[in-house]
Protein backbone atom coordinates (compact mmCIF):
# COMPACT_ATOMS: atom_id res chain seq x y z
CA MET A 1 -0.02 0.01 0.18
CA THR A 2 1.50 2.94 -0.73
CA GLU A 3 2.06 5.89 1.78
CA ARG A 4 0.26 8.81 2.61
CA LEU A 5 2.20 11.54 2.74
CA PHE A 6 0.39 13.21 5.70
CA GLU A 7 -2.50 12.83 7.37
CA GLY A 8 -5.23 15.54 8.86
CA ALA A 9 -4.26 19.04 8.06
CA ASP A 10 -0.77 19.94 9.90
CA TRP A 11 2.29 19.72 8.39
CA ASP A 12 5.73 19.70 9.65
CA PHE A 13 8.93 20.23 7.88
CA GLN A 14 9.90 16.95 6.91
CA THR A 15 6.48 16.83 5.69
CA LEU A 16 6.59 19.06 3.02
CA GLN A 17 10.14 17.61 1.98
CA ARG A 18 7.88 14.52 1.35
CA ILE A 19 5.41 16.82 -0.87
CA THR A 20 8.01 18.51 -2.74
CA ASP A 21 9.28 14.96 -3.35
CA ALA A 22 6.11 13.60 -4.04
CA CYS A 23 5.57 16.39 -6.56
CA GLU A 24 8.93 16.69 -8.33
CA GLU A 25 8.63 12.51 -9.24
CA VAL A 26 5.45 13.34 -10.57
CA ALA A 27 6.22 16.98 -12.13
CA LEU A 28 9.31 15.49 -13.84
CA LYS A 29 8.51 11.77 -14.76
CA ASP A 30 4.92 11.84 -15.25
CA LEU A 31 4.85 15.90 -16.72
CA GLY A 32 8.03 16.39 -18.29
CA LEU A 33 8.74 19.12 -16.84
CA ASP A 34 11.94 21.82 -16.35
CA VAL A 35 13.08 23.88 -12.82
CA TYR A 36 15.66 25.67 -11.72
CA PRO A 37 16.07 24.43 -8.25
CA ASN A 38 13.66 25.10 -5.80
CA GLN A 39 13.64 26.81 -2.24
CA ILE A 40 10.62 26.77 -0.58
CA GLU A 41 10.26 28.89 2.44
CA VAL A 42 7.31 29.55 4.68
CA ILE A 43 6.29 32.60 5.59
CA THR A 44 3.54 34.38 8.00
CA ALA A 45 0.57 36.77 6.52
CA GLU A 46 2.37 39.42 7.20
CA GLN A 47 4.92 38.79 5.97
CA MET A 48 2.38 37.95 2.46
CA LEU A 49 1.76 41.30 3.33
CA ASP A 50 4.98 42.83 2.67
CA ALA A 51 5.37 41.20 -0.13
CA TYR A 52 2.49 42.28 -1.16
CA SER A 53 3.73 45.80 -0.90
CA SER A 54 6.72 45.35 -2.33
CA VAL A 55 5.56 43.75 -5.49
CA GLY A 56 6.50 40.22 -5.17
CA MET A 57 10.31 40.66 -4.52
CA PRO A 58 12.23 39.24 -1.32
CA LEU A 59 14.96 41.56 -1.19
CA PHE A 60 13.94 45.61 -2.24
CA TYR A 61 15.02 48.90 -1.33
CA LYS A 62 12.46 51.51 0.54
CA HIS A 63 10.54 53.32 -0.76
CA TRP A 64 7.69 55.38 0.96
CA SER A 65 4.57 54.03 -1.38
CA PHE A 66 6.11 50.84 -0.60
CA GLY A 67 4.70 51.31 3.09
CA LYS A 68 1.73 52.90 1.61
CA HIS A 69 0.71 49.60 0.37
CA PHE A 70 1.91 48.34 3.18
CA ALA A 71 -1.12 49.47 5.28
CA PHE A 72 -3.80 49.04 2.32
CA HIS A 73 -3.54 45.60 2.24
CA GLU A 74 -3.36 45.24 6.28
CA ALA A 75 -6.02 47.73 6.32
CA SER A 76 -8.59 45.15 4.26
CA TYR A 77 -6.85 42.22 5.06
CA ARG A 78 -7.92 42.84 9.13
CA LYS A 79 -10.48 43.38 8.07
CA GLY A 80 -11.72 41.38 6.35
CA LEU A 81 -12.13 42.95 3.13
CA MET A 82 -9.79 41.05 1.32
CA GLY A 83 -7.47 37.40 1.69
CA LEU A 84 -4.21 36.80 0.77
CA ALA A 85 -2.13 34.38 -1.18
CA TYR A 86 -1.75 31.26 -1.05
CA GLU A 87 2.57 31.76 -2.28
CA ILE A 88 4.59 34.45 -3.95
CA VAL A 89 6.62 32.53 -6.48
CA ILE A 90 10.41 34.28 -7.26
CA ASN A 91 11.11 33.97 -11.10
CA SER A 92 14.74 33.45 -9.98
CA SER A 93 17.97 30.04 -9.82
CA PRO A 94 16.89 28.67 -7.71
CA CYS A 95 13.48 29.29 -8.43
CA ILE A 96 12.30 30.69 -4.76
CA SER A 97 8.41 30.22 -3.90
CA TYR A 98 7.05 31.53 0.12
CA LEU A 99 4.62 29.82 1.33
CA MET A 100 1.34 30.53 3.47
CA GLU A 101 2.58 29.07 7.80
CA GLU A 102 -1.25 29.26 8.09
CA ASN A 103 -1.98 27.02 4.48
CA THR A 104 -3.53 23.43 5.45
CA ALA A 105 -1.27 20.28 4.41
CA THR A 106 -3.24 20.00 1.37
CA MET A 107 -3.51 23.43 0.27
CA GLN A 108 0.71 23.70 0.87
CA THR A 109 0.23 20.49 -1.39
CA LEU A 110 -2.12 21.93 -3.97
CA VAL A 111 1.17 25.53 -4.35
CA ILE A 112 4.02 23.34 -3.97
CA ALA A 113 2.89 21.53 -7.55
CA HIS A 114 1.50 25.02 -8.35
CA ALA A 115 4.47 27.01 -8.04
CA ALA A 116 7.32 25.69 -7.77
CA PHE A 117 7.20 22.99 -10.57
CA GLY A 118 4.15 24.81 -12.70
CA HIS A 119 5.31 28.64 -12.49
CA ASN A 120 8.86 27.47 -13.00
CA HIS A 121 8.69 25.07 -15.66
CA PHE A 122 7.40 28.73 -17.10
CA PHE A 123 9.83 30.95 -16.47
CA LYS A 124 12.86 28.65 -17.03
CA ASN A 125 11.34 27.76 -20.73
CA ASN A 126 8.57 30.96 -22.27
CA TYR A 127 11.08 32.84 -24.22
CA LEU A 128 10.18 36.20 -23.54
CA PHE A 129 11.60 35.12 -19.80
CA LYS A 130 14.93 33.60 -21.85
CA GLN A 131 14.78 37.47 -23.52
CA TRP A 132 14.22 39.21 -20.76
CA THR A 133 15.33 38.15 -17.90
CA ASP A 134 17.90 37.17 -15.81
CA ALA A 135 17.01 34.23 -12.78
CA GLU A 136 20.84 33.38 -11.58
CA GLY A 137 21.60 37.13 -11.47
CA ILE A 138 18.44 38.25 -9.94
CA LEU A 139 18.37 38.33 -6.32
CA ASP A 140 22.27 39.57 -6.44
CA TYR A 141 21.30 42.31 -7.38
CA LEU A 142 18.39 43.06 -5.45
CA ASP A 143 21.01 43.29 -3.25
CA PHE A 144 23.34 45.10 -5.03
CA ALA A 145 20.04 47.74 -5.72
CA LYS A 146 18.98 47.80 -1.80
CA ASN A 147 22.58 48.72 -0.74
CA TYR A 148 22.81 51.27 -3.33
CA VAL A 149 19.66 52.95 -2.82
CA MET A 150 21.01 53.15 1.56
CA GLN A 151 23.96 54.40 0.85
CA CYS A 152 22.66 57.29 -1.45
CA GLU A 153 20.64 57.85 1.09
CA GLU A 154 22.78 58.25 3.62
CA ARG A 155 25.19 60.04 1.34
CA TYR A 156 22.27 62.50 -0.70
CA GLY A 157 19.76 62.63 1.77
CA ARG A 158 16.55 60.34 1.36
CA ILE A 159 14.22 62.92 0.69
CA GLU A 160 16.48 63.48 -3.19
CA VAL A 161 16.86 60.21 -2.96
CA GLU A 162 12.47 59.19 -2.81
CA ARG A 163 12.28 61.86 -5.63
CA THR A 164 14.44 60.97 -7.73
CA LEU A 165 12.57 57.52 -7.33
CA ASP A 166 9.86 58.54 -7.74
CA ALA A 167 9.34 60.22 -10.51
CA ALA A 168 11.37 56.85 -11.96
CA HIS A 169 8.64 54.77 -10.73
CA ALA A 170 6.61 57.32 -12.46
CA LEU A 171 7.91 55.90 -15.77
CA MET A 172 8.43 52.74 -15.02
CA SER A 173 6.04 51.60 -17.33
CA HIS A 174 8.17 53.87 -19.68
CA GLY A 175 11.59 52.25 -18.84
CA ILE A 176 11.42 49.22 -20.44
CA ASP A 177 12.83 48.04 -23.87
CA ARG A 178 10.16 46.51 -25.91
CA TYR A 179 12.29 44.89 -28.52
CA PRO A 180 14.78 42.39 -27.96
CA GLY A 181 18.16 44.14 -28.69
CA LYS A 182 21.57 40.98 -29.37
CA LYS A 183 22.92 41.86 -25.68
CA LYS A 184 21.21 39.64 -23.35
CA LEU A 185 20.49 40.68 -20.20
CA ASP A 186 23.32 40.36 -17.18
CA LEU A 187 22.11 41.80 -13.67
CA ARG A 188 25.46 40.29 -12.35
CA ALA A 189 27.50 42.37 -15.27
CA GLU A 190 25.45 45.35 -14.44
CA GLU A 191 26.59 45.42 -10.29
CA LYS A 192 29.87 45.19 -11.46
CA ARG A 193 29.07 47.59 -13.36
CA ALA A 194 28.48 50.04 -10.89
CA GLY A 195 31.45 51.46 -9.96
CA ARG A 196 33.11 52.22 -13.47
CA ARG A 197 32.50 54.66 -15.70
CA ARG A 198 31.59 54.65 -18.55
CA GLN A 199 33.78 56.05 -20.30
CA HIS A 200 32.87 56.11 -23.85
CA GLU A 201 28.71 57.54 -23.33
CA GLU A 202 29.93 59.97 -21.16
CA GLU A 203 32.28 61.62 -24.71
CA VAL A 204 28.52 61.12 -25.94
CA PHE A 205 27.38 63.16 -23.80
CA ASN A 206 29.96 65.35 -23.81
CA ASP A 207 30.63 65.87 -27.60
CA LEU A 208 26.41 66.51 -27.47
CA TRP A 209 25.72 69.27 -24.84
CA ARG A 210 29.35 70.60 -25.62
CA THR A 211 27.46 72.14 -29.08
CA VAL A 212 24.99 74.18 -26.82
CA PRO A 213 24.30 77.49 -27.28
CA THR A 214 24.35 79.13 -23.72
CA GLY A 215 22.64 82.94 -25.28
CA LYS A 216 19.33 83.61 -27.03
CA SER A 217 20.45 82.89 -30.32
CA LYS A 218 21.21 80.40 -32.46
CA SER A 219 25.16 78.73 -33.27
CA ARG A 220 26.26 77.99 -36.28
CA SER A 221 27.84 74.91 -33.80
CA ALA A 222 25.01 73.81 -33.41
CA LEU A 223 24.80 70.11 -34.61
CA SER A 224 22.11 69.29 -37.38
CA VAL A 225 19.62 67.44 -37.08
CA GLU A 226 19.90 64.64 -37.92
CA ARG A 227 23.78 64.70 -35.96
CA ARG A 228 21.10 65.44 -32.62
CA ARG A 229 19.30 62.20 -33.35
CA LYS A 230 21.83 60.37 -33.85
CA LEU A 231 23.49 60.38 -31.52
CA LEU A 232 20.06 60.88 -28.88
CA GLY A 233 19.34 57.45 -30.34
CA LEU A 234 15.79 59.24 -31.82
CA PRO A 235 13.57 58.54 -31.17
CA GLN A 236 13.59 56.31 -28.35
CA GLU A 237 10.86 54.60 -26.79
CA ASN A 238 12.84 53.27 -23.14
CA LEU A 239 11.97 56.95 -21.20
CA LEU A 240 13.76 55.81 -18.55
CA TYR A 241 16.83 54.62 -20.53
CA PHE A 242 16.61 58.35 -22.48
CA LEU A 243 17.15 60.38 -19.69
CA GLU A 244 20.01 57.56 -17.67
CA LYS A 245 22.46 59.21 -20.64
CA SER A 246 20.63 61.85 -21.71
CA ALA A 247 19.88 63.86 -19.02
CA PRO A 248 21.58 67.33 -18.80
CA ARG A 249 22.05 68.12 -15.48
CA LEU A 250 21.49 64.39 -13.35
CA ALA A 251 24.10 63.73 -11.42
CA PRO A 252 25.51 59.89 -11.84
CA TRP A 253 24.07 58.48 -8.01
CA GLN A 254 20.68 59.35 -9.89
CA ARG A 255 21.52 58.35 -13.31
CA GLU A 256 22.50 55.06 -11.28
CA LEU A 257 19.24 54.65 -9.63
CA LEU A 258 16.88 55.23 -12.59
CA ARG A 259 18.90 52.17 -14.92
CA ILE A 260 17.92 50.67 -11.29
CA VAL A 261 14.80 51.15 -11.87
CA ARG A 262 14.34 50.11 -15.36
CA HIS A 263 16.77 47.33 -14.97
CA ILE A 264 13.50 45.99 -12.22
CA ALA A 265 10.80 47.45 -14.47
CA GLN A 266 12.00 45.58 -17.47
CA TYR A 267 12.43 42.04 -15.47
CA PHE A 268 8.79 42.28 -15.22
CA TYR A 269 7.93 43.38 -18.44
CA PRO A 270 7.48 39.22 -19.19
CA GLN A 271 5.06 38.53 -16.79
CA SER A 272 2.36 41.11 -18.04
CA GLN A 273 2.81 39.59 -21.17
CA THR A 274 1.83 36.15 -20.35
CA LYS A 275 0.00 35.81 -17.48
CA VAL A 276 -2.96 34.04 -18.79
CA MET A 277 -0.54 31.44 -20.20
CA ASN A 278 1.71 31.51 -16.73
CA GLU A 279 -0.85 31.22 -14.83
CA GLY A 280 -3.54 28.63 -17.22
CA THR A 281 0.29 26.72 -17.26
CA ALA A 282 1.00 26.17 -13.35
CA THR A 283 -3.87 25.76 -12.74
CA TYR A 284 -2.82 22.95 -15.73
CA VAL A 285 0.22 20.96 -13.95
CA HIS A 286 -1.06 21.19 -9.86
CA TYR A 287 -4.31 19.82 -11.50
CA ARG A 288 -2.24 16.84 -13.33
CA ILE A 289 -0.26 16.47 -10.33
CA MET A 290 -2.51 16.26 -7.89
CA THR A 291 -5.02 14.62 -9.58
CA ARG A 292 -1.91 11.48 -10.25
CA LEU A 293 -0.59 12.04 -6.29
CA HIS A 294 -4.41 10.72 -5.56
CA GLN A 295 -4.69 7.88 -7.97
CA GLN A 296 -1.02 6.84 -5.96
CA GLY A 297 -3.22 6.64 -2.93
CA ARG A 298 -0.63 9.36 -1.49
CA ILE A 299 -3.24 11.95 -0.61
CA THR A 300 -7.25 10.79 0.45
CA ASP A 301 -10.44 10.97 -0.74
CA GLY A 302 -10.82 14.35 2.11
CA ASN A 303 -7.53 16.05 0.92
CA PHE A 304 -8.34 15.79 -2.69
CA LEU A 305 -12.03 17.31 -2.36
CA GLU A 306 -10.23 20.06 -0.35
CA PHE A 307 -8.29 20.46 -3.03
CA LEU A 308 -10.89 20.61 -5.93
CA GLY A 309 -12.95 22.88 -3.44
CA SER A 310 -10.67 25.42 -3.83
CA HIS A 311 -8.99 25.01 -7.74
CA THR A 312 -12.81 24.94 -8.38
CA ASN A 313 -12.60 28.73 -6.74
CA VAL A 314 -9.29 29.83 -8.75
CA VAL A 315 -10.74 28.59 -12.13
CA PHE A 316 -14.11 30.33 -11.23
CA GLN A 317 -15.82 32.14 -13.81
CA PRO A 318 -18.54 35.36 -13.86
CA GLU A 319 -20.90 35.87 -16.43
CA PHE A 320 -21.21 38.70 -18.81
CA ASP A 321 -24.61 39.54 -16.31
CA ASP A 322 -22.57 38.56 -12.91
CA GLN A 323 -22.37 42.07 -10.79
CA ARG A 324 -18.56 40.61 -10.00
CA PHE A 325 -17.49 40.07 -13.93
CA SER A 326 -14.90 42.09 -14.38
CA GLY A 327 -13.14 40.74 -17.62
CA PHE A 328 -11.79 36.98 -18.02
CA ASN A 329 -10.10 35.93 -15.26
CA PRO A 330 -7.07 35.16 -16.43
CA TYR A 331 -6.55 31.25 -14.12
CA ALA A 332 -10.48 30.42 -15.38
CA LEU A 333 -9.59 31.29 -19.21
CA GLY A 334 -5.71 29.69 -18.90
CA PHE A 335 -7.05 26.56 -17.87
CA ALA A 336 -9.01 26.11 -20.09
CA VAL A 337 -6.77 26.36 -23.61
CA MET A 338 -5.18 24.36 -21.95
CA GLN A 339 -7.31 20.90 -21.05
CA ASP A 340 -9.17 22.08 -24.70
CA ILE A 341 -5.19 21.25 -26.48
CA GLU A 342 -5.11 18.64 -24.36
CA ARG A 343 -8.73 17.54 -25.89
CA ILE A 344 -7.79 18.65 -29.42
CA VAL A 345 -4.76 16.69 -29.58
CA THR A 346 -5.92 13.36 -27.67
CA ASN A 347 -9.90 13.42 -28.88
CA PRO A 348 -10.53 15.51 -31.66
CA GLU A 349 -13.54 16.55 -33.58
CA ASP A 350 -14.48 16.99 -36.98
CA GLU A 351 -14.72 20.89 -36.33
CA ASP A 352 -10.63 20.53 -34.50
CA ARG A 353 -9.27 18.91 -36.82
CA GLU A 354 -10.22 22.26 -39.33
CA TRP A 355 -9.06 24.84 -37.22
CA PHE A 356 -5.76 23.02 -36.16
CA PRO A 357 -4.33 20.64 -38.48
CA ASP A 358 -0.80 20.36 -36.86
CA ILE A 359 -2.32 19.52 -33.67
CA ALA A 360 -6.08 17.48 -33.93
CA GLY A 361 -4.79 13.12 -32.82
CA LYS A 362 -1.27 14.36 -32.25
CA GLY A 363 -1.87 12.57 -29.24
CA ASP A 364 1.51 13.64 -27.51
CA VAL A 365 -0.12 15.81 -24.87
CA MET A 366 2.45 17.09 -22.76
CA GLY A 367 5.16 17.04 -26.01
CA VAL A 368 2.37 19.87 -27.28
CA LEU A 369 1.13 21.59 -24.37
CA ARG A 370 5.44 22.12 -23.77
CA ASP A 371 6.24 23.73 -27.31
CA VAL A 372 3.15 25.80 -26.47
CA TRP A 373 3.61 26.88 -23.30
CA ALA A 374 7.60 27.85 -24.36
CA ASN A 375 6.71 29.32 -27.62
CA TYR A 376 3.59 31.80 -27.41
CA ARG A 377 2.57 34.53 -24.68
CA ASP A 378 -1.23 35.73 -23.88
CA GLU A 379 -1.63 37.00 -27.46
CA SER A 380 0.24 34.53 -29.73
CA PHE A 381 -1.55 31.96 -27.55
CA ILE A 382 -5.03 33.47 -27.62
CA GLY A 383 -5.03 34.19 -31.11
CA GLN A 384 -3.91 30.88 -32.27
CA PHE A 385 -5.18 28.61 -29.53
CA LEU A 386 -8.18 29.19 -28.99
CA SER A 387 -11.41 26.83 -30.35
CA PRO A 388 -15.30 27.33 -31.41
CA LYS A 389 -16.23 25.10 -28.15
CA LEU A 390 -14.47 27.09 -26.48
CA MET A 391 -15.51 29.85 -27.36
CA ARG A 392 -19.20 27.85 -27.19
CA HIS A 393 -18.62 27.31 -24.10
CA PHE A 394 -17.58 30.53 -22.07
CA ARG A 395 -20.73 31.74 -24.73
CA MET A 396 -17.87 34.64 -26.43
CA PHE A 397 -19.56 37.15 -28.24
CA HIS A 398 -18.50 41.00 -30.00
CA LEU A 399 -19.76 44.64 -28.94
CA HIS A 400 -19.50 47.42 -31.28
CA ASP A 401 -19.20 50.04 -30.14
CA ASP A 402 -17.92 53.27 -31.93
CA PRO A 403 -18.43 57.00 -30.56
CA GLU A 404 -17.98 58.58 -33.67
CA GLU A 405 -21.20 56.76 -35.78
CA ARG A 406 -24.92 56.90 -34.33
CA ALA A 407 -25.99 53.79 -34.62
CA GLY A 408 -25.05 53.43 -30.86
CA ILE A 409 -23.90 49.84 -29.22
CA ARG A 410 -24.06 46.93 -31.72
CA VAL A 411 -23.24 42.55 -31.34
CA ASP A 412 -20.10 42.51 -34.52
CA ALA A 413 -19.47 39.00 -33.92
CA ILE A 414 -21.63 36.24 -33.47
CA HIS A 415 -21.15 31.99 -33.14
CA ASP A 416 -20.05 31.45 -36.67
CA GLU A 417 -16.99 31.09 -39.21
CA ARG A 418 -16.20 34.62 -39.55
CA GLY A 419 -17.55 35.66 -36.09
CA PHE A 420 -15.19 33.37 -34.25
CA ARG A 421 -12.17 34.42 -36.03
CA ARG A 422 -13.31 38.14 -35.00
CA VAL A 423 -13.65 36.62 -31.50
CA ARG A 424 -10.38 34.94 -31.53
CA ARG A 425 -8.96 38.51 -33.30
CA GLU A 426 -10.10 40.54 -30.61
CA LEU A 427 -9.64 38.45 -26.71
CA ALA A 428 -5.77 38.27 -28.21
CA ARG A 429 -5.62 41.74 -29.54
CA GLN A 430 -6.04 42.88 -25.69
CA HIS A 431 -3.90 41.19 -24.71
CA ASP A 432 -1.52 42.10 -26.48
CA VAL A 433 1.19 44.98 -24.48
CA GLY A 434 1.83 46.79 -27.62
CA PHE A 435 -1.89 47.96 -28.06
CA ILE A 436 -2.49 48.35 -25.06
CA ASP A 437 0.28 50.47 -23.50
CA ALA A 438 -0.53 54.61 -25.15
CA ASN A 439 2.70 54.06 -27.74
CA ILE A 440 5.18 56.48 -26.09
CA GLU A 441 8.98 58.52 -27.21
CA VAL A 442 11.28 61.00 -27.29
CA VAL A 443 10.75 62.50 -30.19
CA ASP A 444 13.78 65.25 -30.66
CA VAL A 445 15.20 67.88 -28.20
CA ASP A 446 15.45 71.74 -28.99
CA LEU A 447 19.13 72.10 -28.37
CA SER A 448 18.91 75.43 -30.61
CA GLY A 449 16.12 76.69 -28.67
CA ASP A 450 14.65 76.83 -24.63
CA ARG A 451 16.23 72.75 -24.81
CA ARG A 452 12.32 71.58 -24.32
CA LEU A 453 12.05 67.89 -24.81
CA ILE A 454 9.57 66.34 -27.03
CA LEU A 455 7.49 62.99 -26.92
CA HIS A 456 4.57 61.80 -28.85
CA HIS A 457 2.28 59.61 -28.33
CA HIS A 458 1.02 58.07 -30.32
CA VAL A 459 -2.92 57.05 -30.79
CA ILE A 460 -4.61 54.57 -31.72
CA LYS A 461 -8.53 53.75 -32.05
CA GLY A 462 -8.90 57.20 -30.35
CA SER A 463 -7.16 56.14 -26.73
CA GLN A 464 -6.34 59.21 -25.66
CA LEU A 465 -4.76 59.82 -22.34
CA ASN A 466 -6.27 60.55 -19.26
CA GLU A 467 -5.09 64.88 -19.08
CA THR A 468 -4.55 64.81 -15.07
CA ASP A 469 -2.88 61.63 -15.15
CA ALA A 470 -0.55 62.41 -18.35
CA LYS A 471 -0.22 65.96 -16.37
CA ARG A 472 1.20 64.40 -13.16
CA VAL A 473 3.83 62.19 -14.56
CA LEU A 474 5.16 65.15 -16.86
CA GLN A 475 6.10 66.80 -14.21
CA HIS A 476 8.14 64.41 -13.25
CA LEU A 477 9.48 63.88 -16.75
CA ALA A 478 10.44 67.71 -16.19
CA ASP A 479 12.31 67.43 -12.98
CA LEU A 480 13.70 64.49 -14.55
CA TRP A 481 15.29 67.02 -17.54
CA THR A 482 14.91 70.01 -15.37
CA TYR A 483 13.95 71.68 -18.74
CA ASP A 484 10.49 72.52 -20.50
CA VAL A 485 9.03 69.00 -21.81
CA ALA A 486 5.92 68.92 -23.98
CA LEU A 487 3.78 65.77 -25.23
CA ILE A 488 2.66 65.67 -28.75
CA GLU A 489 -0.90 63.58 -29.16
CA VAL A 490 -0.68 62.37 -33.30
CA ASP A 491 -3.52 60.35 -35.32
CA ALA A 492 -2.03 58.02 -37.48
CA ASN A 493 -2.30 60.24 -39.83
CA ASP A 494 0.34 62.24 -38.26
CA LYS A 495 -3.20 65.15 -36.84
CA VAL A 496 -1.68 66.62 -34.25
CA LEU A 497 -4.65 65.90 -31.03
CA ARG A 498 -3.69 67.81 -28.08
CA GLU A 499 -0.51 69.11 -27.04
CA TYR A 500 1.48 69.34 -23.18
CA VAL A 501 3.44 71.88 -22.36
CA VAL A 502 4.92 71.52 -18.65
CA SER A 503 8.23 72.82 -16.82
CA PRO A 504 10.27 71.37 -14.42
CA ARG A 505 9.78 72.12 -10.49
CA PRO A 506 13.00 74.79 -9.14
CA ILE A 507 15.42 71.94 -8.20
CA PRO A 508 16.62 71.74 -4.44
CA ALA A 509 20.33 73.19 -3.58
CA ALA A 510 21.22 69.75 -2.76
CA VAL A 511 20.91 68.83 -6.22
CA ALA A 512 21.57 71.19 -8.89
């Protein structure tokens, strides 16, 4: 008779070791997963709240906004207005999984399967994480960042450091590279580089600003438009990178802080593009592992029912007319597509063979899924694998609402072949960061005049920026640039829709 992993709800660290070993056996042998080494840590509710406040990172520099988030989450938790996650997992090597000490033994099994093997495999194998993250170096880099911020606070004062970080955080979503370069990010090399002078960059920087006239009259030494834009690397969508390299009055320590913030923003970039896939993968993996452990007799019927109760809550999808509806639950959608791929691979219908000829009836479920997990992101995953059967199951349809049309709201796609393709295309687009995120880039700097920084926002489908938010963020940008900043919103035909101009606030004497 197979030995049970545990009895009842209680557990100790030996129990966690047995659970981890059992999950690993199923994950590696039955599912063929490829994972980083695992590190399991148990934390309290207060520690989980602290992790919430610092975006789930185990080591992070101090900032007032993290304390604000902690106070909000703690108050909500104490009042019973919110629950806490069962775990937090870190994309690092070793892969760190934080488990809540209040979890029962069954829930610890679930979250180990979900995080330590589901998320872990996705982090290690998905192409976006390979391109944009450095799992080997992130923990050392976070430790370096934390110590560097502390040293800056001691040397330059907490207020000045917070002022720079406030501005960097406001621009964080526009401090990433969206297209991979030739060189993979190496955070350990970045840490070593921090103490060295960047001689070539300084030469380029000095060459650029040496030509700037000091008076109002134009100078013959001013750079040509082409030369100026080439030296500045324009157009440039990574605003933090541009400021780090080209802002005229930033001190070296401020440039390093911008560099730290943009590296951390880049670390999270793949996660924003793979929410459905990442959670769908982890949910599918934990479901397969827990089911296999039950089949082996290593957990009881009662344990399995407890697991199913939690699993059902995780993948619950409210109907569109339910007051709780706020869009698609990424756990529900991701898990449903994973299960549907399993059905198509093993027991396809004629419709499936027409829509998915490459995988229908192939038979190798895990081989197909591992390939999907490695080579897709949410937008391409939904656009490729959302089936008509699943669209019928979720009762999906598409509404068209154009304010410039007087026809009002109309149902634009229904359950026919043309409608299915339209629904799938539109849902995939809603997960495309190129469509969702504002496309803002630096296009020029008026070096021969008032040194105004000029940005363009390329408006898609009439989606302009919120005026209040735009002005607040531009204020931070102007403070870092130290001269006026102009943001011009243009449509697809380069027609100017709106223009913002913001001047910097006075620079404190300690920084100036």
